[in-house]
Amino acid sequence: MIRLTLPVCPSANDWHRVVNGRPILSKVAREYTEKATTLAQMQRCQKIASPRDIDVEIVWYRARKSGDVDKRGAVLLDALQGIAYDDDSQIRSYLIVREEDKDDPRMEVTIMEAA
């Protein structure tokens, strides 16, 4: 089981940029992924390798009442791919819950090998 506490990820609107007609990861996305990687390593994250299926639970503690849970969760899952698991095709189930915490916004992630 992997349990991680990470900063709130960027909005999906900030995740990609189009350059020469091609979508690429934005600078914000690359920086967040790098930070998530460092924090996951500090929290002793052991990647669950493919082809094992995983179940993912995310609790997003928002600083203010804005943002879509589905898009924010997808961005976080993209950032964790290659860090906590090999590929998002491993995800068997996915749950995201939104809570409010203006004093300590964060994303708490639990990833478990599917039974």
PDB file of N, CA and C in Angstrom:
ATOM      1  N   MET A   1       0.844  -1.176   0.000  1.00  0.00           N
ATOM      2  CA  MET A   1       0.000   0.000   0.000  1.00  0.00           C
ATOM      3  C   MET A   1       0.887   1.236   0.000  1.00  0.00           C
ATOM      4  N   ILE A   2       0.481   2.214  -0.785  1.00  0.00           N
ATOM      5  CA  ILE A   2       1.189   3.486  -0.877  1.00  0.00           C
ATOM      6  C   ILE A   2       0.275   4.570  -0.320  1.00  0.00           C
ATOM      7  N   ARG A   3       0.803   5.376   0.602  1.00  0.00           N
ATOM      8  CA  ARG A   3       0.081   6.538   1.112  1.00  0.00           C
ATOM      9  C   ARG A   3       0.970   7.754   0.921  1.00  0.00           C
ATOM     10  N   LEU A   4       0.443   8.732   0.222  1.00  0.00           N
ATOM     11  CA  LEU A   4       1.209   9.938  -0.065  1.00  0.00           C
ATOM     12  C   LEU A   4       0.394  11.179   0.284  1.00  0.00           C
ATOM     13  N   THR A   5       1.074  12.182   0.788  1.00  0.00           N
ATOM     14  CA  THR A   5       0.487  13.507   0.962  1.00  0.00           C
ATOM     15  C   THR A   5       1.264  14.430   0.040  1.00  0.00           C
ATOM     16  N   LEU A   6       0.531  15.054  -0.892  1.00  0.00           N
ATOM     17  CA  LEU A   6       1.155  15.897  -1.903  1.00  0.00           C
ATOM     18  C   LEU A   6       0.472  17.260  -1.933  1.00  0.00           C
ATOM     19  N   PRO A   7       1.162  18.263  -2.455  1.00  0.00           N
ATOM     20  CA  PRO A   7       0.505  19.550  -2.626  1.00  0.00           C
ATOM     21  C   PRO A   7      -0.631  19.413  -3.641  1.00  0.00           C
ATOM     22  N   VAL A   8      -1.556  20.340  -3.598  1.00  0.00           N
ATOM     23  CA  VAL A   8      -2.648  20.339  -4.570  1.00  0.00           C
ATOM     24  C   VAL A   8      -2.048  20.516  -5.958  1.00  0.00           C
ATOM     25  N   CYS A   9      -2.486  19.664  -6.863  1.00  0.00           N
ATOM     26  CA  CYS A   9      -1.944  19.718  -8.223  1.00  0.00           C
ATOM     27  C   CYS A   9      -2.557  20.875  -8.998  1.00  0.00           C
ATOM     28  N   PRO A  10      -1.885  21.272 -10.070  1.00  0.00           N
ATOM     29  CA  PRO A  10      -2.418  22.358 -10.892  1.00  0.00           C
ATOM     30  C   PRO A  10      -3.744  21.973 -11.542  1.00  0.00           C
ATOM     31  N   SER A  11      -4.452  22.964 -11.981  1.00  0.00           N
ATOM     32  CA  SER A  11      -5.702  22.768 -12.708  1.00  0.00           C
ATOM     33  C   SER A  11      -5.421  22.076 -14.041  1.00  0.00           C
ATOM     34  N   ALA A  12      -6.399  21.337 -14.541  1.00  0.00           N
ATOM     35  CA  ALA A  12      -6.280  20.713 -15.859  1.00  0.00           C
ATOM     36  C   ALA A  12      -6.051  21.771 -16.931  1.00  0.00           C
ATOM     37  N   ASN A  13      -6.571  22.975 -16.716  1.00  0.00           N
ATOM     38  CA  ASN A  13      -6.374  24.058 -17.683  1.00  0.00           C
ATOM     39  C   ASN A  13      -4.909  24.464 -17.807  1.00  0.00           C
ATOM     40  N   ASP A  14      -4.112  24.176 -16.771  1.00  0.00           N
ATOM     41  CA  ASP A  14      -2.695  24.539 -16.770  1.00  0.00           C
ATOM     42  C   ASP A  14      -1.786  23.373 -17.126  1.00  0.00           C
ATOM     43  N   TRP A  15      -2.352  22.204 -17.375  1.00  0.00           N
ATOM     44  CA  TRP A  15      -1.549  20.983 -17.512  1.00  0.00           C
ATOM     45  C   TRP A  15      -0.885  20.858 -18.880  1.00  0.00           C
ATOM     46  N   HIS A  16      -1.560  21.237 -19.939  1.00  0.00           N
ATOM     47  CA  HIS A  16      -1.005  21.109 -21.293  1.00  0.00           C
ATOM     48  C   HIS A  16      -0.950  22.460 -21.987  1.00  0.00           C
ATOM     49  N   ARG A  17      -0.045  22.566 -22.913  1.00  0.00           N
ATOM     50  CA  ARG A  17       0.060  23.706 -23.815  1.00  0.00           C
ATOM     51  C   ARG A  17       0.121  23.142 -25.226  1.00  0.00           C
ATOM     52  N   VAL A  18      -0.332  23.904 -26.186  1.00  0.00           N
ATOM     53  CA  VAL A  18      -0.255  23.478 -27.586  1.00  0.00           C
ATOM     54  C   VAL A  18       0.877  24.244 -28.250  1.00  0.00           C
ATOM     55  N   VAL A  19       1.824  23.491 -28.795  1.00  0.00           N
ATOM     56  CA  VAL A  19       2.965  24.072 -29.500  1.00  0.00           C
ATOM     57  C   VAL A  19       3.029  23.423 -30.877  1.00  0.00           C
ATOM     58  N   ASN A  20       2.994  24.249 -31.899  1.00  0.00           N
ATOM     59  CA  ASN A  20       3.000  23.745 -33.282  1.00  0.00           C
ATOM     60  C   ASN A  20       1.902  22.710 -33.510  1.00  0.00           C
ATOM     61  N   GLY A  21       0.734  22.952 -32.921  1.00  0.00           N
ATOM     62  CA  GLY A  21      -0.402  22.059 -33.118  1.00  0.00           C
ATOM     63  C   GLY A  21      -0.373  20.784 -32.293  1.00  0.00           C
ATOM     64  N   ARG A  22       0.625  20.632 -31.447  1.00  0.00           N
ATOM     65  CA  ARG A  22       0.752  19.421 -30.608  1.00  0.00           C
ATOM     66  C   ARG A  22       0.617  19.773 -29.135  1.00  0.00           C
ATOM     67  N   PRO A  23      -0.168  18.974 -28.390  1.00  0.00           N
ATOM     68  CA  PRO A  23      -0.228  19.228 -26.943  1.00  0.00           C
ATOM     69  C   PRO A  23       1.047  18.704 -26.256  1.00  0.00           C
ATOM     70  N   ILE A  24       1.616  19.529 -25.402  1.00  0.00           N
ATOM     71  CA  ILE A  24       2.782  19.120 -24.613  1.00  0.00           C
ATOM     72  C   ILE A  24       2.519  19.473 -23.154  1.00  0.00           C
ATOM     73  N   LEU A  25       3.250  18.806 -22.252  1.00  0.00           N
ATOM     74  CA  LEU A  25       3.141  19.155 -20.834  1.00  0.00           C
ATOM     75  C   LEU A  25       3.668  20.564 -20.627  1.00  0.00           C
ATOM     76  N   SER A  26       2.924  21.338 -19.869  1.00  0.00           N
ATOM     77  CA  SER A  26       3.340  22.711 -19.578  1.00  0.00           C
ATOM     78  C   SER A  26       4.489  22.709 -18.577  1.00  0.00           C
ATOM     79  N   LYS A  27       5.107  23.854 -18.426  1.00  0.00           N
ATOM     80  CA  LYS A  27       6.168  24.015 -17.426  1.00  0.00           C
ATOM     81  C   LYS A  27       5.615  23.732 -16.031  1.00  0.00           C
ATOM     82  N   VAL A  28       4.415  24.216 -15.762  1.00  0.00           N
ATOM     83  CA  VAL A  28       3.764  23.980 -14.460  1.00  0.00           C
ATOM     84  C   VAL A  28       3.599  22.473 -14.221  1.00  0.00           C
ATOM     85  N   ALA A  29       3.188  21.737 -15.257  1.00  0.00           N
ATOM     86  CA  ALA A  29       2.994  20.287 -15.137  1.00  0.00           C
ATOM     87  C   ALA A  29       4.318  19.581 -14.882  1.00  0.00           C
ATOM     88  N   ARG A  30       5.345  19.972 -15.602  1.00  0.00           N
ATOM     89  CA  ARG A  30       6.665  19.342 -15.411  1.00  0.00           C
ATOM     90  C   ARG A  30       7.194  19.624 -14.007  1.00  0.00           C
ATOM     91  N   GLU A  31       7.021  20.843 -13.531  1.00  0.00           N
ATOM     92  CA  GLU A  31       7.489  21.198 -12.181  1.00  0.00           C
ATOM     93  C   GLU A  31       6.712  20.430 -11.110  1.00  0.00           C
ATOM     94  N   TYR A  32       5.391  20.307 -11.290  1.00  0.00           N
ATOM     95  CA  TYR A  32       4.591  19.573 -10.308  1.00  0.00           C
ATOM     96  C   TYR A  32       4.986  18.099 -10.297  1.00  0.00           C
ATOM     97  N   THR A  33       5.173  17.502 -11.463  1.00  0.00           N
ATOM     98  CA  THR A  33       5.558  16.097 -11.538  1.00  0.00           C
ATOM     99  C   THR A  33       6.905  15.870 -10.865  1.00  0.00           C
ATOM    100  N   GLU A  34       7.835  16.787 -11.074  1.00  0.00           N
ATOM    101  CA  GLU A  34       9.147  16.687 -10.427  1.00  0.00           C
ATOM    102  C   GLU A  34       9.008  16.779  -8.903  1.00  0.00           C
ATOM    103  N   LYS A  35       8.190  17.709  -8.449  1.00  0.00           N
ATOM    104  CA  LYS A  35       7.968  17.866  -7.003  1.00  0.00           C
ATOM    105  C   LYS A  35       7.278  16.628  -6.426  1.00  0.00           C
ATOM    106  N   ALA A  36       6.269  16.097  -7.135  1.00  0.00           N
ATOM    107  CA  ALA A  36       5.570  14.891  -6.682  1.00  0.00           C
ATOM    108  C   ALA A  36       6.532  13.711  -6.599  1.00  0.00           C
ATOM    109  N   THR A  37       7.424  13.603  -7.571  1.00  0.00           N
ATOM    110  CA  THR A  37       8.425  12.532  -7.567  1.00  0.00           C
ATOM    111  C   THR A  37       9.315  12.638  -6.342  1.00  0.00           C
ATOM    112  N   THR A  38       9.824  13.829  -6.076  1.00  0.00           N
ATOM    113  CA  THR A  38      10.693  14.042  -4.920  1.00  0.00           C
ATOM    114  C   THR A  38       9.965  13.720  -3.618  1.00  0.00           C
ATOM    115  N   LEU A  39       8.743  14.218  -3.476  1.00  0.00           N
ATOM    116  CA  LEU A  39       7.981  13.960  -2.247  1.00  0.00           C
ATOM    117  C   LEU A  39       7.625  12.485  -2.104  1.00  0.00           C
ATOM    118  N   ALA A  40       7.295  11.818  -3.197  1.00  0.00           N
ATOM    119  CA  ALA A  40       6.994  10.380  -3.139  1.00  0.00           C
ATOM    120  C   ALA A  40       8.229   9.605  -2.686  1.00  0.00           C
ATOM    121  N   GLN A  41       9.397   9.969  -3.195  1.00  0.00           N
ATOM    122  CA  GLN A  41      10.633   9.311  -2.769  1.00  0.00           C
ATOM    123  C   GLN A  41      10.898   9.565  -1.290  1.00  0.00           C
ATOM    124  N   MET A  42      10.658  10.793  -0.842  1.00  0.00           N
ATOM    125  CA  MET A  42      10.857  11.119   0.573  1.00  0.00           C
ATOM    126  C   MET A  42       9.899  10.328   1.464  1.00  0.00           C
ATOM    127  N   GLN A  43       8.712   9.987   0.921  1.00  0.00           N
ATOM    128  CA  GLN A  43       7.720   9.228   1.673  1.00  0.00           C
ATOM    129  C   GLN A  43       7.854   7.725   1.418  1.00  0.00           C
ATOM    130  N   ARG A  44       8.989   7.344   0.837  1.00  0.00           N
ATOM    131  CA  ARG A  44       9.356   5.938   0.599  1.00  0.00           C
ATOM    132  C   ARG A  44       8.356   5.184  -0.275  1.00  0.00           C
ATOM    133  N   CYS A  45       7.937   5.825  -1.327  1.00  0.00           N
ATOM    134  CA  CYS A  45       6.994   5.220  -2.275  1.00  0.00           C
ATOM    135  C   CYS A  45       7.670   4.073  -3.026  1.00  0.00           C
ATOM    136  N   GLN A  46       7.050   2.917  -3.001  1.00  0.00           N
ATOM    137  CA  GLN A  46       7.511   1.752  -3.762  1.00  0.00           C
ATOM    138  C   GLN A  46       6.516   1.514  -4.882  1.00  0.00           C
ATOM    139  N   LYS A  47       6.942   1.674  -6.125  1.00  0.00           N
ATOM    140  CA  LYS A  47       6.061   1.562  -7.281  1.00  0.00           C
ATOM    141  C   LYS A  47       5.431   0.170  -7.381  1.00  0.00           C
ATOM    142  N   ILE A  48       4.140   0.140  -7.688  1.00  0.00           N
ATOM    143  CA  ILE A  48       3.425  -1.110  -7.953  1.00  0.00           C
ATOM    144  C   ILE A  48       3.532  -1.353  -9.453  1.00  0.00           C
ATOM    145  N   ALA A  49       4.294  -2.369  -9.812  1.00  0.00           N
ATOM    146  CA  ALA A  49       4.627  -2.595 -11.219  1.00  0.00           C
ATOM    147  C   ALA A  49       3.489  -3.259 -11.980  1.00  0.00           C
ATOM    148  N   SER A  50       3.439  -2.947 -13.258  1.00  0.00           N
ATOM    149  CA  SER A  50       2.510  -3.580 -14.181  1.00  0.00           C
ATOM    150  C   SER A  50       2.909  -5.052 -14.310  1.00  0.00           C
ATOM    151  N   PRO A  51       2.000  -5.959 -14.471  1.00  0.00           N
ATOM    152  CA  PRO A  51       0.607  -5.817 -14.858  1.00  0.00           C
ATOM    153  C   PRO A  51      -0.360  -5.827 -13.670  1.00  0.00           C
ATOM    154  N   ARG A  52       0.137  -5.673 -12.438  1.00  0.00           N
ATOM    155  CA  ARG A  52      -0.762  -5.710 -11.279  1.00  0.00           C
ATOM    156  C   ARG A  52      -1.745  -4.547 -11.316  1.00  0.00           C
ATOM    157  N   ASP A  53      -3.022  -4.849 -11.042  1.00  0.00           N
ATOM    158  CA  ASP A  53      -4.057  -3.814 -10.987  1.00  0.00           C
ATOM    159  C   ASP A  53      -3.989  -3.087  -9.655  1.00  0.00           C
ATOM    160  N   ILE A  54      -4.456  -1.835  -9.663  1.00  0.00           N
ATOM    161  CA  ILE A  54      -4.444  -1.029  -8.447  1.00  0.00           C
ATOM    162  C   ILE A  54      -5.795  -0.362  -8.229  1.00  0.00           C
ATOM    163  N   ASP A  55      -6.058  -0.028  -6.968  1.00  0.00           N
ATOM    164  CA  ASP A  55      -7.208   0.775  -6.565  1.00  0.00           C
ATOM    165  C   ASP A  55      -6.650   2.073  -6.000  1.00  0.00           C
ATOM    166  N   VAL A  56      -7.241   3.195  -6.389  1.00  0.00           N
ATOM    167  CA  VAL A  56      -6.736   4.508  -5.998  1.00  0.00           C
ATOM    168  C   VAL A  56      -7.827   5.282  -5.274  1.00  0.00           C
ATOM    169  N   GLU A  57      -7.463   5.876  -4.133  1.00  0.00           N
ATOM    170  CA  GLU A  57      -8.358   6.772  -3.407  1.00  0.00           C
ATOM    171  C   GLU A  57      -7.628   8.094  -3.194  1.00  0.00           C
ATOM    172  N   ILE A  58      -8.303   9.187  -3.523  1.00  0.00           N
ATOM    173  CA  ILE A  58      -7.729  10.523  -3.364  1.00  0.00           C
ATOM    174  C   ILE A  58      -8.680  11.360  -2.521  1.00  0.00           C
ATOM    175  N   VAL A  59      -8.132  12.056  -1.521  1.00  0.00           N
ATOM    176  CA  VAL A  59      -8.899  13.059  -0.792  1.00  0.00           C
ATOM    177  C   VAL A  59      -8.229  14.391  -1.085  1.00  0.00           C
ATOM    178  N   TRP A  60      -8.990  15.261  -1.737  1.00  0.00           N
ATOM    179  CA  TRP A  60      -8.500  16.587  -2.105  1.00  0.00           C
ATOM    180  C   TRP A  60      -9.032  17.589  -1.092  1.00  0.00           C
ATOM    181  N   TYR A  61      -8.121  18.127  -0.297  1.00  0.00           N
ATOM    182  CA  TYR A  61      -8.460  19.162   0.678  1.00  0.00           C
ATOM    183  C   TYR A  61      -8.240  20.513   0.004  1.00  0.00           C
ATOM    184  N   ARG A  62      -9.343  21.181  -0.350  1.00  0.00           N
ATOM    185  CA  ARG A  62      -9.277  22.435  -1.096  1.00  0.00           C
ATOM    186  C   ARG A  62      -9.147  23.631  -0.169  1.00  0.00           C
ATOM    187  N   ALA A  63      -8.425  24.633  -0.646  1.00  0.00           N
ATOM    188  CA  ALA A  63      -8.302  25.883   0.099  1.00  0.00           C
ATOM    189  C   ALA A  63      -9.548  26.745  -0.074  1.00  0.00           C
ATOM    190  N   ARG A  64     -10.205  26.602  -1.220  1.00  0.00           N
ATOM    191  CA  ARG A  64     -11.427  27.356  -1.480  1.00  0.00           C
ATOM    192  C   ARG A  64     -12.349  26.523  -2.356  1.00  0.00           C
ATOM    193  N   LYS A  65     -13.581  26.923  -2.411  1.00  0.00           N
ATOM    194  CA  LYS A  65     -14.597  26.142  -3.117  1.00  0.00           C
ATOM    195  C   LYS A  65     -14.561  26.425  -4.613  1.00  0.00           C
ATOM    196  N   SER A  66     -13.585  25.829  -5.279  1.00  0.00           N
ATOM    197  CA  SER A  66     -13.533  25.923  -6.741  1.00  0.00           C
ATOM    198  C   SER A  66     -12.721  24.759  -7.277  1.00  0.00           C
ATOM    199  N   GLY A  67     -13.009  24.394  -8.506  1.00  0.00           N
ATOM    200  CA  GLY A  67     -12.278  23.312  -9.153  1.00  0.00           C
ATOM    201  C   GLY A  67     -13.108  22.050  -9.272  1.00  0.00           C
ATOM    202  N   ASP A  68     -12.888  21.329 -10.351  1.00  0.00           N
ATOM    203  CA  ASP A  68     -13.583  20.073 -10.605  1.00  0.00           C
ATOM    204  C   ASP A  68     -12.781  18.909 -10.053  1.00  0.00           C
ATOM    205  N   VAL A  69     -13.446  18.027  -9.321  1.00  0.00           N
ATOM    206  CA  VAL A  69     -12.737  16.881  -8.753  1.00  0.00           C
ATOM    207  C   VAL A  69     -12.262  15.925  -9.837  1.00  0.00           C
ATOM    208  N   ASP A  70     -13.058  15.727 -10.886  1.00  0.00           N
ATOM    209  CA  ASP A  70     -12.669  14.756 -11.901  1.00  0.00           C
ATOM    210  C   ASP A  70     -11.405  15.194 -12.640  1.00  0.00           C
ATOM    211  N   LYS A  71     -11.325  16.458 -12.998  1.00  0.00           N
ATOM    212  CA  LYS A  71     -10.149  16.942 -13.720  1.00  0.00           C
ATOM    213  C   LYS A  71      -8.927  17.008 -12.818  1.00  0.00           C
ATOM    214  N   ARG A  72      -9.114  17.448 -11.582  1.00  0.00           N
ATOM    215  CA  ARG A  72      -7.991  17.539 -10.650  1.00  0.00           C
ATOM    216  C   ARG A  72      -7.436  16.155 -10.364  1.00  0.00           C
ATOM    217  N   GLY A  73      -8.329  15.177 -10.200  1.00  0.00           N
ATOM    218  CA  GLY A  73      -7.880  13.804  -9.970  1.00  0.00           C
ATOM    219  C   GLY A  73      -7.108  13.249 -11.145  1.00  0.00           C
ATOM    220  N   ALA A  74      -7.564  13.536 -12.359  1.00  0.00           N
ATOM    221  CA  ALA A  74      -6.879  13.045 -13.561  1.00  0.00           C
ATOM    222  C   ALA A  74      -5.472  13.630 -13.662  1.00  0.00           C
ATOM    223  N   VAL A  75      -5.339  14.901 -13.318  1.00  0.00           N
ATOM    224  CA  VAL A  75      -4.023  15.540 -13.348  1.00  0.00           C
ATOM    225  C   VAL A  75      -3.095  14.878 -12.335  1.00  0.00           C
ATOM    226  N   LEU A  76      -3.589  14.613 -11.132  1.00  0.00           N
ATOM    227  CA  LEU A  76      -2.767  13.952 -10.116  1.00  0.00           C
ATOM    228  C   LEU A  76      -2.364  12.554 -10.572  1.00  0.00           C
ATOM    229  N   LEU A  77      -3.298  11.805 -11.153  1.00  0.00           N
ATOM    230  CA  LEU A  77      -2.975  10.468 -11.644  1.00  0.00           C
ATOM    231  C   LEU A  77      -1.900  10.523 -12.733  1.00  0.00           C
ATOM    232  N   ASP A  78      -1.979  11.511 -13.612  1.00  0.00           N
ATOM    233  CA  ASP A  78      -0.937  11.679 -14.634  1.00  0.00           C
ATOM    234  C   ASP A  78       0.426  11.928 -13.987  1.00  0.00           C
ATOM    235  N   ALA A  79       0.449  12.749 -12.947  1.00  0.00           N
ATOM    236  CA  ALA A  79       1.709  13.071 -12.276  1.00  0.00           C
ATOM    237  C   ALA A  79       2.313  11.853 -11.580  1.00  0.00           C
ATOM    238  N   LEU A  80       1.464  10.952 -11.085  1.00  0.00           N
ATOM    239  CA  LEU A  80       1.962   9.785 -10.335  1.00  0.00           C
ATOM    240  C   LEU A  80       2.333   8.607 -11.235  1.00  0.00           C
ATOM    241  N   GLN A  81       1.939   8.681 -12.508  1.00  0.00           N
ATOM    242  CA  GLN A  81       2.271   7.595 -13.433  1.00  0.00           C
ATOM    243  C   GLN A  81       3.787   7.530 -13.595  1.00  0.00           C
ATOM    244  N   GLY A  82       4.336   6.347 -13.429  1.00  0.00           N
ATOM    245  CA  GLY A  82       5.780   6.167 -13.488  1.00  0.00           C
ATOM    246  C   GLY A  82       6.448   6.317 -12.133  1.00  0.00           C
ATOM    247  N   ILE A  83       5.716   6.857 -11.159  1.00  0.00           N
ATOM    248  CA  ILE A  83       6.245   7.042  -9.806  1.00  0.00           C
ATOM    249  C   ILE A  83       5.656   5.990  -8.869  1.00  0.00           C
ATOM    250  N   ALA A  84       4.316   5.930  -8.813  1.00  0.00           N
ATOM    251  CA  ALA A  84       3.627   5.016  -7.909  1.00  0.00           C
ATOM    252  C   ALA A  84       3.153   3.758  -8.635  1.00  0.00           C
ATOM    253  N   TYR A  85       3.012   3.852  -9.940  1.00  0.00           N
ATOM    254  CA  TYR A  85       2.590   2.718 -10.774  1.00  0.00           C
ATOM    255  C   TYR A  85       3.131   2.972 -12.177  1.00  0.00           C
ATOM    256  N   ASP A  86       3.156   1.928 -12.996  1.00  0.00           N
ATOM    257  CA  ASP A  86       3.736   2.062 -14.336  1.00  0.00           C
ATOM    258  C   ASP A  86       2.830   2.793 -15.309  1.00  0.00           C
ATOM    259  N   ASP A  87       1.553   2.432 -15.329  1.00  0.00           N
ATOM    260  CA  ASP A  87       0.671   2.935 -16.367  1.00  0.00           C
ATOM    261  C   ASP A  87      -0.749   3.035 -15.834  1.00  0.00           C
ATOM    262  N   ASP A  88      -1.498   4.029 -16.298  1.00  0.00           N
ATOM    263  CA  ASP A  88      -2.863   4.188 -15.788  1.00  0.00           C
ATOM    264  C   ASP A  88      -3.801   3.071 -16.228  1.00  0.00           C
ATOM    265  N   SER A  89      -3.363   2.218 -17.122  1.00  0.00           N
ATOM    266  CA  SER A  89      -4.174   1.039 -17.466  1.00  0.00           C
ATOM    267  C   SER A  89      -4.242   0.052 -16.300  1.00  0.00           C
ATOM    268  N   GLN A  90      -3.394   0.222 -15.292  1.00  0.00           N
ATOM    269  CA  GLN A  90      -3.418  -0.623 -14.091  1.00  0.00           C
ATOM    270  C   GLN A  90      -4.570  -0.262 -13.161  1.00  0.00           C
ATOM    271  N   ILE A  91      -5.156   0.918 -13.309  1.00  0.00           N
ATOM    272  CA  ILE A  91      -6.173   1.399 -12.378  1.00  0.00           C
ATOM    273  C   ILE A  91      -7.471   0.629 -12.595  1.00  0.00           C
ATOM    274  N   ARG A  92      -7.843  -0.129 -11.569  1.00  0.00           N
ATOM    275  CA  ARG A  92      -9.083  -0.906 -11.599  1.00  0.00           C
ATOM    276  C   ARG A  92     -10.233  -0.073 -11.053  1.00  0.00           C
ATOM    277  N   SER A  93      -9.984   0.655  -9.959  1.00  0.00           N
ATOM    278  CA  SER A  93     -11.000   1.525  -9.386  1.00  0.00           C
ATOM    279  C   SER A  93     -10.348   2.821  -8.926  1.00  0.00           C
ATOM    280  N   TYR A  94     -11.182   3.864  -8.882  1.00  0.00           N
ATOM    281  CA  TYR A  94     -10.678   5.200  -8.601  1.00  0.00           C
ATOM    282  C   TYR A  94     -11.774   5.975  -7.881  1.00  0.00           C
ATOM    283  N   LEU A  95     -11.438   6.511  -6.710  1.00  0.00           N
ATOM    284  CA  LEU A  95     -12.384   7.298  -5.926  1.00  0.00           C
ATOM    285  C   LEU A  95     -11.701   8.599  -5.547  1.00  0.00           C
ATOM    286  N   ILE A  96     -12.420   9.717  -5.732  1.00  0.00           N
ATOM    287  CA  ILE A  96     -11.893  10.999  -5.278  1.00  0.00           C
ATOM    288  C   ILE A  96     -12.968  11.680  -4.437  1.00  0.00           C
ATOM    289  N   VAL A  97     -12.525  12.204  -3.306  1.00  0.00           N
ATOM    290  CA  VAL A  97     -13.406  12.888  -2.366  1.00  0.00           C
ATOM    291  C   VAL A  97     -12.876  14.307  -2.184  1.00  0.00           C
ATOM    292  N   ARG A  98     -13.775  15.251  -2.123  1.00  0.00           N
ATOM    293  CA  ARG A  98     -13.410  16.648  -1.934  1.00  0.00           C
ATOM    294  C   ARG A  98     -13.765  17.070  -0.516  1.00  0.00           C
ATOM    295  N   GLU A  99     -12.823  17.702   0.159  1.00  0.00           N
ATOM    296  CA  GLU A  99     -13.033  18.267   1.490  1.00  0.00           C
ATOM    297  C   GLU A  99     -12.524  19.701   1.465  1.00  0.00           C
ATOM    298  N   GLU A 100     -12.850  20.457   2.490  1.00  0.00           N
ATOM    299  CA  GLU A 100     -12.395  21.845   2.588  1.00  0.00           C
ATOM    300  C   GLU A 100     -11.382  21.953   3.730  1.00  0.00           C
ATOM    301  N   ASP A 101     -10.253  22.614   3.463  1.00  0.00           N
ATOM    302  CA  ASP A 101      -9.253  22.890   4.488  1.00  0.00           C
ATOM    303  C   ASP A 101      -8.424  24.089   4.024  1.00  0.00           C
ATOM    304  N   LYS A 102      -8.936  25.274   4.288  1.00  0.00           N
ATOM    305  CA  LYS A 102      -8.268  26.483   3.794  1.00  0.00           C
ATOM    306  C   LYS A 102      -6.892  26.686   4.409  1.00  0.00           C
ATOM    307  N   ASP A 103      -6.660  26.117   5.591  1.00  0.00           N
ATOM    308  CA  ASP A 103      -5.373  26.301   6.259  1.00  0.00           C
ATOM    309  C   ASP A 103      -4.304  25.302   5.827  1.00  0.00           C
ATOM    310  N   ASP A 104      -4.711  24.161   5.249  1.00  0.00           N
ATOM    311  CA  ASP A 104      -3.738  23.136   4.857  1.00  0.00           C
ATOM    312  C   ASP A 104      -4.217  22.400   3.600  1.00  0.00           C
ATOM    313  N   PRO A 105      -4.282  23.087   2.454  1.00  0.00           N
ATOM    314  CA  PRO A 105      -4.712  22.411   1.235  1.00  0.00           C
ATOM    315  C   PRO A 105      -3.681  21.352   0.835  1.00  0.00           C
ATOM    316  N   ARG A 106      -4.197  20.202   0.355  1.00  0.00           N
ATOM    317  CA  ARG A 106      -3.309  19.095   0.015  1.00  0.00           C
ATOM    318  C   ARG A 106      -4.101  18.012  -0.693  1.00  0.00           C
ATOM    319  N   MET A 107      -3.379  17.013  -1.162  1.00  0.00           N
ATOM    320  CA  MET A 107      -4.008  15.839  -1.749  1.00  0.00           C
ATOM    321  C   MET A 107      -3.416  14.623  -1.057  1.00  0.00           C
ATOM    322  N   GLU A 108      -4.288  13.828  -0.460  1.00  0.00           N
ATOM    323  CA  GLU A 108      -3.854  12.592   0.192  1.00  0.00           C
ATOM    324  C   GLU A 108      -4.263  11.429  -0.696  1.00  0.00           C
ATOM    325  N   VAL A 109      -3.288  10.621  -1.047  1.00  0.00           N
ATOM    326  CA  VAL A 109      -3.497   9.547  -2.016  1.00  0.00           C
ATOM    327  C   VAL A 109      -3.167   8.208  -1.369  1.00  0.00           C
ATOM    328  N   THR A 110      -4.064   7.241  -1.578  1.00  0.00           N
ATOM    329  CA  THR A 110      -3.809   5.862  -1.154  1.00  0.00           C
ATOM    330  C   THR A 110      -3.924   4.993  -2.398  1.00  0.00           C
ATOM    331  N   ILE A 111      -2.889   4.225  -2.650  1.00  0.00           N
ATOM    332  CA  ILE A 111      -2.855   3.317  -3.803  1.00  0.00           C
ATOM    333  C   ILE A 111      -2.580   1.915  -3.266  1.00  0.00           C
ATOM    334  N   MET A 112      -3.459   0.982  -3.627  1.00  0.00           N
ATOM    335  CA  MET A 112      -3.307  -0.388  -3.146  1.00  0.00           C
ATOM    336  C   MET A 112      -3.386  -1.353  -4.315  1.00  0.00           C
ATOM    337  N   GLU A 113      -2.679  -2.434  -4.166  1.00  0.00           N
ATOM    338  CA  GLU A 113      -2.801  -3.487  -5.160  1.00  0.00           C
ATOM    339  C   GLU A 113      -4.202  -4.057  -5.056  1.00  0.00           C
ATOM    340  N   ALA A 114      -4.881  -4.202  -6.193  1.00  0.00           N
ATOM    341  CA  ALA A 114      -6.249  -4.695  -6.220  1.00  0.00           C
ATOM    342  C   ALA A 114      -6.290  -6.149  -5.751  1.00  0.00           C
ATOM    343  N   ALA A 115      -7.353  -6.467  -5.010  1.00  0.00           N
ATOM    344  CA  ALA A 115      -7.492  -7.830  -4.485  1.00  0.00           C
ATOM    345  C   ALA A 115      -7.930  -8.787  -5.560  1.00  0.00           C
TER     346      ALA A 115
END
